[in-house]
Every structure is written in structure tokens, then in C-alpha cells.
């Protein structure tokens, strides 16, 4: 059993009620006495706040009057310092910042893709083959436009030209080839 329980059982409830009433009476008397004092303190605080606000406004007005000429001089001084500072920054800091930004831009720029050589090589090879074909066509055209000595006429050396036997590619016969077949062009075309 706790100590509180033992004391309560030892003290009769009628006595406890009597003590509680006594304390309540004392508290109400103190509250009645404190009411006028509290109202007076509130009135005084309001009056002090009004007076303090007036004083603060007056002080602020005086401070503004004092500061006006000083602010003007301070602005002139700051304008001169800002102008010289801007020139200094432009001549010293700006080039460094500019070069730093340019370097950063080069680093951030993605690398250029490596060129592949095969497309160039194929293009050049194709152009070379096309030009060789064109040269061959021109040479063929020239060779056909030149008059051939006829087999019945003697050549410059006094002998007649005869067809040379050319083996057939399929290996079937060794027949003599006509001059037109030898040059790659047939006369029937």
C-alpha cells in the first residue's frame, strides 16, 4: 500500500473538504484584489506602448533627416567604386572567365565521329573502274573507225594478213578467228 493511500484513510473526508473550501476562499480574495491592479497595469502598458510608438516615430524621422545627405554622399562614393571595379573586372577577370568557359565548352562538346575509310576507298575504286571502262570504249571506237587492210590486199610489208588460229575457249575446235572477233567486235552487230 502506498503512502498516499494510508494518509487519506487516516484523514477524515470532512476535514479535507473544510481545507479545500478554505483554500478556495483565499484564492477568490486574492483574485478580487488582483483585478484592479491588473486593469491598472494593462492601462499603463497601453499608454507606455503609445508613448513608445510616438517616441520611435520621432526618432525614425530624425534619423531619416540626418541620413539623407549622408546617403547621397555614400551613393556617389559607391558609384565611383563600382565604375572602377567594373573596369578592373573587365580587364582582368573577364578574359580568364571567357577562356575558362571556352575550355569547358570544348570539353563538353561531343567528340567528332571518326571517318570511315571504306566508303572513300570504294568510291575511288568505282571512279577508277568507270574511267578505265570509258577509256577502253574510246579506244575500241577508235580501232573500229580505222580502216583495216583487206585480206586480199597486201600489207605494207608485202604479205597478206591471214587469220590466226585461236583455240576455242570451250576447247571444241581450233578454228581461225576473224579479225572482227579478234578485236572483240563483230561486224554483224
C-alpha atoms as a PDB file:
ATOM      1  CA  UNK A   1       0.000   0.000   0.000  1.00  0.00           C
ATOM      2  CA  UNK A   2       1.297   3.471  -0.868  1.00  0.00           C
ATOM      3  CA  UNK A   3       1.905   6.351   1.485  1.00  0.00           C
ATOM      4  CA  UNK A   4      -0.863   8.477  -0.098  1.00  0.00           C
ATOM      5  CA  UNK A   5      -3.448   5.803   0.472  1.00  0.00           C
ATOM      6  CA  UNK A   6      -2.518   5.490   4.128  1.00  0.00           C
ATOM      7  CA  UNK A   7      -2.721   9.293   4.695  1.00  0.00           C
ATOM      8  CA  UNK A   8      -6.080   9.565   3.016  1.00  0.00           C
ATOM      9  CA  UNK A   9      -7.518   6.842   5.126  1.00  0.00           C
ATOM     10  CA  UNK A  10      -6.058   8.499   8.238  1.00  0.00           C
ATOM     11  CA  UNK A  11      -7.655  11.916   7.405  1.00  0.00           C
ATOM     12  CA  UNK A  12     -11.440  12.103   7.549  1.00  0.00           C
ATOM     13  CA  UNK A  13     -13.141  13.378   4.389  1.00  0.00           C
ATOM     14  CA  UNK A  14     -14.979  16.181   6.217  1.00  0.00           C
ATOM     15  CA  UNK A  15     -11.689  17.755   7.228  1.00  0.00           C
ATOM     16  CA  UNK A  16     -10.435  17.564   3.638  1.00  0.00           C
ATOM     17  CA  UNK A  17     -13.495  19.378   2.392  1.00  0.00           C
ATOM     18  CA  UNK A  18     -13.013  22.064   5.010  1.00  0.00           C
ATOM     19  CA  UNK A  19      -9.394  22.651   3.925  1.00  0.00           C
ATOM     20  CA  UNK A  20     -10.382  22.782   0.267  1.00  0.00           C
ATOM     21  CA  UNK A  21     -13.056  25.425   0.969  1.00  0.00           C
ATOM     22  CA  UNK A  22     -10.560  27.490   2.945  1.00  0.00           C
ATOM     23  CA  UNK A  23      -8.066  27.435   0.041  1.00  0.00           C
ATOM     24  CA  UNK A  24     -10.787  28.349  -2.470  1.00  0.00           C
ATOM     25  CA  UNK A  25     -11.864  31.340  -0.326  1.00  0.00           C
ATOM     26  CA  UNK A  26      -8.297  32.609  -0.111  1.00  0.00           C
ATOM     27  CA  UNK A  27      -7.842  32.260  -3.875  1.00  0.00           C
ATOM     28  CA  UNK A  28     -11.030  34.197  -4.646  1.00  0.00           C
ATOM     29  CA  UNK A  29      -9.970  37.034  -2.268  1.00  0.00           C
ATOM     30  CA  UNK A  30      -6.581  37.254  -3.990  1.00  0.00           C
ATOM     31  CA  UNK A  31      -8.249  37.293  -7.412  1.00  0.00           C
ATOM     32  CA  UNK A  32     -10.545  40.148  -6.353  1.00  0.00           C
ATOM     33  CA  UNK A  33      -7.564  42.130  -5.100  1.00  0.00           C
ATOM     34  CA  UNK A  34      -5.559  41.411  -8.270  1.00  0.00           C
ATOM     35  CA  UNK A  35      -8.329  42.529 -10.678  1.00  0.00           C
ATOM     36  CA  UNK A  36      -7.941  46.311 -10.216  1.00  0.00           C
ATOM     37  CA  UNK A  37      -4.152  46.041 -10.144  1.00  0.00           C
ATOM     38  CA  UNK A  38      -4.201  44.062 -13.379  1.00  0.00           C
ATOM     39  CA  UNK A  39      -6.501  46.572 -15.073  1.00  0.00           C
ATOM     40  CA  UNK A  40      -4.258  49.415 -13.988  1.00  0.00           C
ATOM     41  CA  UNK A  41      -1.173  47.584 -15.290  1.00  0.00           C
ATOM     42  CA  UNK A  42      -2.874  46.978 -18.646  1.00  0.00           C
ATOM     43  CA  UNK A  43      -3.801  50.669 -18.934  1.00  0.00           C
ATOM     44  CA  UNK A  44      -0.257  51.688 -18.079  1.00  0.00           C
ATOM     45  CA  UNK A  45       1.173  49.236 -20.632  1.00  0.00           C
ATOM     46  CA  UNK A  46      -1.096  50.589 -23.357  1.00  0.00           C
ATOM     47  CA  UNK A  47      -0.167  54.139 -22.516  1.00  0.00           C
ATOM     48  CA  UNK A  48       3.528  53.204 -22.481  1.00  0.00           C
ATOM     49  CA  UNK A  49       3.208  51.488 -25.858  1.00  0.00           C
ATOM     50  CA  UNK A  50       1.543  54.564 -27.356  1.00  0.00           C
ATOM     51  CA  UNK A  51       4.200  56.812 -25.887  1.00  0.00           C
ATOM     52  CA  UNK A  52       6.944  54.433 -27.121  1.00  0.00           C
ATOM     53  CA  UNK A  53       5.474  54.397 -30.621  1.00  0.00           C
ATOM     54  CA  UNK A  54       5.397  58.216 -30.700  1.00  0.00           C
ATOM     55  CA  UNK A  55       8.970  58.346 -29.496  1.00  0.00           C
ATOM     56  CA  UNK A  56      10.035  55.730 -32.025  1.00  0.00           C
ATOM     57  CA  UNK A  57       8.366  57.650 -34.892  1.00  0.00           C
ATOM     58  CA  UNK A  58      10.072  60.853 -33.827  1.00  0.00           C
ATOM     59  CA  UNK A  59      13.430  59.073 -33.602  1.00  0.00           C
ATOM     60  CA  UNK A  60      12.944  57.492 -37.034  1.00  0.00           C
ATOM     61  CA  UNK A  61      12.092  60.868 -38.573  1.00  0.00           C
ATOM     62  CA  UNK A  62      15.188  62.439 -37.050  1.00  0.00           C
ATOM     63  CA  UNK A  63      17.350  59.551 -38.237  1.00  0.00           C
ATOM     64  CA  UNK A  64      15.963  59.893 -41.788  1.00  0.00           C
ATOM     65  CA  UNK A  65      16.703  63.632 -41.823  1.00  0.00           C
ATOM     66  CA  UNK A  66      20.239  63.012 -40.633  1.00  0.00           C
ATOM     67  CA  UNK A  67      20.790  60.162 -43.136  1.00  0.00           C
ATOM     68  CA  UNK A  68      19.594  61.939 -46.329  1.00  0.00           C
ATOM     69  CA  UNK A  69      22.771  63.906 -47.047  1.00  0.00           C
ATOM     70  CA  UNK A  70      24.971  61.031 -45.906  1.00  0.00           C
ATOM     71  CA  UNK A  71      23.169  58.586 -48.188  1.00  0.00           C
ATOM     72  CA  UNK A  72      23.727  60.889 -51.157  1.00  0.00           C
ATOM     73  CA  UNK A  73      27.457  61.079 -50.454  1.00  0.00           C
ATOM     74  CA  UNK A  74      27.614  57.323 -49.928  1.00  0.00           C
ATOM     75  CA  UNK A  75      25.891  56.728 -53.269  1.00  0.00           C
ATOM     76  CA  UNK A  76      28.383  58.968 -55.071  1.00  0.00           C
ATOM     77  CA  UNK A  77      31.275  57.140 -53.411  1.00  0.00           C
ATOM     78  CA  UNK A  78      29.794  53.696 -54.259  1.00  0.00           C
ATOM     79  CA  UNK A  79      29.137  54.708 -57.893  1.00  0.00           C
ATOM     80  CA  UNK A  80      32.790  55.674 -58.361  1.00  0.00           C
ATOM     81  CA  UNK A  81      33.970  52.422 -56.757  1.00  0.00           C
ATOM     82  CA  UNK A  82      31.556  50.354 -58.885  1.00  0.00           C
ATOM     83  CA  UNK A  83      32.762  52.031 -62.100  1.00  0.00           C
ATOM     84  CA  UNK A  84      36.434  51.397 -61.319  1.00  0.00           C
ATOM     85  CA  UNK A  85      35.604  47.867 -60.215  1.00  0.00           C
ATOM     86  CA  UNK A  86      33.768  47.126 -63.457  1.00  0.00           C
ATOM     87  CA  UNK A  87      36.776  48.270 -65.493  1.00  0.00           C
ATOM     88  CA  UNK A  88      39.077  46.151 -63.349  1.00  0.00           C
ATOM     89  CA  UNK A  89      36.857  43.097 -63.711  1.00  0.00           C
ATOM     90  CA  UNK A  90      36.566  43.635 -67.462  1.00  0.00           C
ATOM     91  CA  UNK A  91      40.339  43.843 -67.894  1.00  0.00           C
ATOM     92  CA  UNK A  92      41.448  41.092 -65.504  1.00  0.00           C
ATOM     93  CA  UNK A  93      38.691  38.672 -64.610  1.00  0.00           C
ATOM     94  CA  UNK A  94      36.628  38.622 -67.807  1.00  0.00           C
ATOM     95  CA  UNK A  95      39.381  37.229 -70.070  1.00  0.00           C
ATOM     96  CA  UNK A  96      40.088  34.455 -67.573  1.00  0.00           C
ATOM     97  CA  UNK A  97      36.406  33.597 -67.242  1.00  0.00           C
ATOM     98  CA  UNK A  98      35.992  33.711 -71.015  1.00  0.00           C
ATOM     99  CA  UNK A  99      38.902  31.329 -71.622  1.00  0.00           C
ATOM    100  CA  UNK A 100      37.647  29.038 -68.876  1.00  0.00           C
ATOM    101  CA  UNK A 101      34.171  28.929 -70.467  1.00  0.00           C
ATOM    102  CA  UNK A 102      35.679  28.256 -73.901  1.00  0.00           C
ATOM    103  CA  UNK A 103      37.762  25.399 -72.490  1.00  0.00           C
ATOM    104  CA  UNK A 104      34.709  23.965 -70.757  1.00  0.00           C
ATOM    105  CA  UNK A 105      32.702  24.217 -73.972  1.00  0.00           C
ATOM    106  CA  UNK A 106      35.393  22.285 -75.866  1.00  0.00           C
ATOM    107  CA  UNK A 107      35.403  19.596 -73.185  1.00  0.00           C
ATOM    108  CA  UNK A 108      31.611  19.315 -73.198  1.00  0.00           C
ATOM    109  CA  UNK A 109      31.376  19.154 -76.994  1.00  0.00           C
ATOM    110  CA  UNK A 110      30.963  15.511 -78.062  1.00  0.00           C
ATOM    111  CA  UNK A 111      33.937  14.091 -79.941  1.00  0.00           C
ATOM    112  CA  UNK A 112      33.723  14.097 -83.731  1.00  0.00           C
ATOM    113  CA  UNK A 113      32.992  10.647 -85.133  1.00  0.00           C
ATOM    114  CA  UNK A 114      35.965   9.026 -86.809  1.00  0.00           C
ATOM    115  CA  UNK A 115      35.627   8.926 -90.563  1.00  0.00           C
ATOM    116  CA  UNK A 116      35.428   5.527 -92.116  1.00  0.00           C
ATOM    117  CA  UNK A 117      37.850   4.905 -94.951  1.00  0.00           C
ATOM    118  CA  UNK A 118      35.923   2.148 -96.710  1.00  0.00           C
ATOM    119  CA  UNK A 119      33.306   4.394 -98.319  1.00  0.00           C
ATOM    120  CA  UNK A 120      36.067   6.623 -99.720  1.00  0.00           C
ATOM    121  CA  UNK A 121      38.074   3.666-100.969  1.00  0.00           C
ATOM    122  CA  UNK A 122      35.010   2.147-102.634  1.00  0.00           C
ATOM    123  CA  UNK A 123      34.156   5.478-104.262  1.00  0.00           C
ATOM    124  CA  UNK A 124      37.668   5.907-105.618  1.00  0.00           C
ATOM    125  CA  UNK A 125      37.761   2.320-106.872  1.00  0.00           C
ATOM    126  CA  UNK A 126      34.404   2.770-108.611  1.00  0.00           C
ATOM    127  CA  UNK A 127      35.560   6.013-110.222  1.00  0.00           C
ATOM    128  CA  UNK A 128      38.773   4.344-111.359  1.00  0.00           C
ATOM    129  CA  UNK A 129      36.875   1.401-112.869  1.00  0.00           C
ATOM    130  CA  UNK A 130      34.400   3.729-114.601  1.00  0.00           C
ATOM    131  CA  UNK A 131      37.205   5.829-116.086  1.00  0.00           C
ATOM    132  CA  UNK A 132      39.032   2.689-117.248  1.00  0.00           C
ATOM    133  CA  UNK A 133      35.838   1.456-118.929  1.00  0.00           C
ATOM    134  CA  UNK A 134      35.383   4.830-120.610  1.00  0.00           C
ATOM    135  CA  UNK A 135      38.977   4.794-121.886  1.00  0.00           C
ATOM    136  CA  UNK A 136      38.523   1.248-123.190  1.00  0.00           C
ATOM    137  CA  UNK A 137      35.316   2.255-125.009  1.00  0.00           C
ATOM    138  CA  UNK A 138      37.078   5.219-126.616  1.00  0.00           C
ATOM    139  CA  UNK A 139      39.962   3.020-127.732  1.00  0.00           C
ATOM    140  CA  UNK A 140      37.555   0.460-129.202  1.00  0.00           C
ATOM    141  CA  UNK A 141      35.681   3.172-131.047  1.00  0.00           C
ATOM    142  CA  UNK A 142      38.944   4.453-132.496  1.00  0.00           C
ATOM    143  CA  UNK A 143      40.057   0.990-133.547  1.00  0.00           C
ATOM    144  CA  UNK A 144      36.768   0.374-135.399  1.00  0.00           C
ATOM    145  CA  UNK A 145      36.834   3.695-137.131  1.00  0.00           C
ATOM    146  CA  UNK A 146      40.312   2.974-138.572  1.00  0.00           C
ATOM    147  CA  UNK A 147      40.302   1.244-141.961  1.00  0.00           C
ATOM    148  CA  UNK A 148      41.572  -2.333-141.857  1.00  0.00           C
ATOM    149  CA  UNK A 149      43.597  -3.742-144.687  1.00  0.00           C
ATOM    150  CA  UNK A 150      41.518  -6.258-146.553  1.00  0.00           C
ATOM    151  CA  UNK A 151      42.788  -9.836-146.724  1.00  0.00           C
ATOM    152  CA  UNK A 152      43.185  -9.636-150.484  1.00  0.00           C
ATOM    153  CA  UNK A 153      45.384  -6.559-150.338  1.00  0.00           C
ATOM    154  CA  UNK A 154      48.970  -6.977-149.365  1.00  0.00           C
ATOM    155  CA  UNK A 155      50.122  -5.341-146.162  1.00  0.00           C
ATOM    156  CA  UNK A 156      52.863  -2.771-146.010  1.00  0.00           C
ATOM    157  CA  UNK A 157      55.485  -5.491-145.770  1.00  0.00           C
ATOM    158  CA  UNK A 158      54.184  -7.139-148.929  1.00  0.00           C
ATOM    159  CA  UNK A 159      52.492 -10.090-147.238  1.00  0.00           C
ATOM    160  CA  UNK A 160      48.789 -10.692-146.838  1.00  0.00           C
ATOM    161  CA  UNK A 161      47.234 -10.863-143.432  1.00  0.00           C
ATOM    162  CA  UNK A 162      45.789 -14.169-142.520  1.00  0.00           C
ATOM    163  CA  UNK A 163      43.622 -15.196-139.658  1.00  0.00           C
ATOM    164  CA  UNK A 164      45.498 -16.737-136.797  1.00  0.00           C
ATOM    165  CA  UNK A 165      44.112 -19.935-135.333  1.00  0.00           C
ATOM    166  CA  UNK A 166      42.704 -19.215-131.855  1.00  0.00           C
ATOM    167  CA  UNK A 167      41.817 -22.066-129.561  1.00  0.00           C
ATOM    168  CA  UNK A 168      38.141 -22.186-128.626  1.00  0.00           C
ATOM    169  CA  UNK A 169      37.562 -21.454-125.010  1.00  0.00           C
ATOM    170  CA  UNK A 170      35.363 -24.472-124.601  1.00  0.00           C
ATOM    171  CA  UNK A 171      38.139 -26.478-126.207  1.00  0.00           C
ATOM    172  CA  UNK A 172      35.915 -27.731-129.093  1.00  0.00           C
ATOM    173  CA  UNK A 173      37.774 -26.539-132.127  1.00  0.00           C
ATOM    174  CA  UNK A 174      40.797 -24.635-133.287  1.00  0.00           C
ATOM    175  CA  UNK A 175      39.192 -22.600-135.993  1.00  0.00           C
ATOM    176  CA  UNK A 176      40.742 -19.444-137.312  1.00  0.00           C
ATOM    177  CA  UNK A 177      39.229 -16.332-135.823  1.00  0.00           C
ATOM    178  CA  UNK A 178      38.046 -13.481-137.969  1.00  0.00           C
ATOM    179  CA  UNK A 179      39.610 -10.097-137.486  1.00  0.00           C
ATOM    180  CA  UNK A 180      36.402  -8.621-136.096  1.00  0.00           C
ATOM    181  CA  UNK A 181      36.159 -11.355-133.478  1.00  0.00           C
ATOM    182  CA  UNK A 182      39.762 -10.863-132.540  1.00  0.00           C
ATOM    183  CA  UNK A 183      39.163  -7.157-131.709  1.00  0.00           C
ATOM    184  CA  UNK A 184      36.096  -8.054-129.667  1.00  0.00           C
ATOM    185  CA  UNK A 185      33.559  -6.535-132.040  1.00  0.00           C
ATOM    186  CA  UNK A 186      31.600  -8.442-134.631  1.00  0.00           C
ATOM    187  CA  UNK A 187      30.737  -6.872-137.947  1.00  0.00           C
ATOM    188  CA  UNK A 188      27.196  -8.173-137.741  1.00  0.00           C
ATOM    189  CA  UNK A 189      26.321  -6.008-134.798  1.00  0.00           C
END
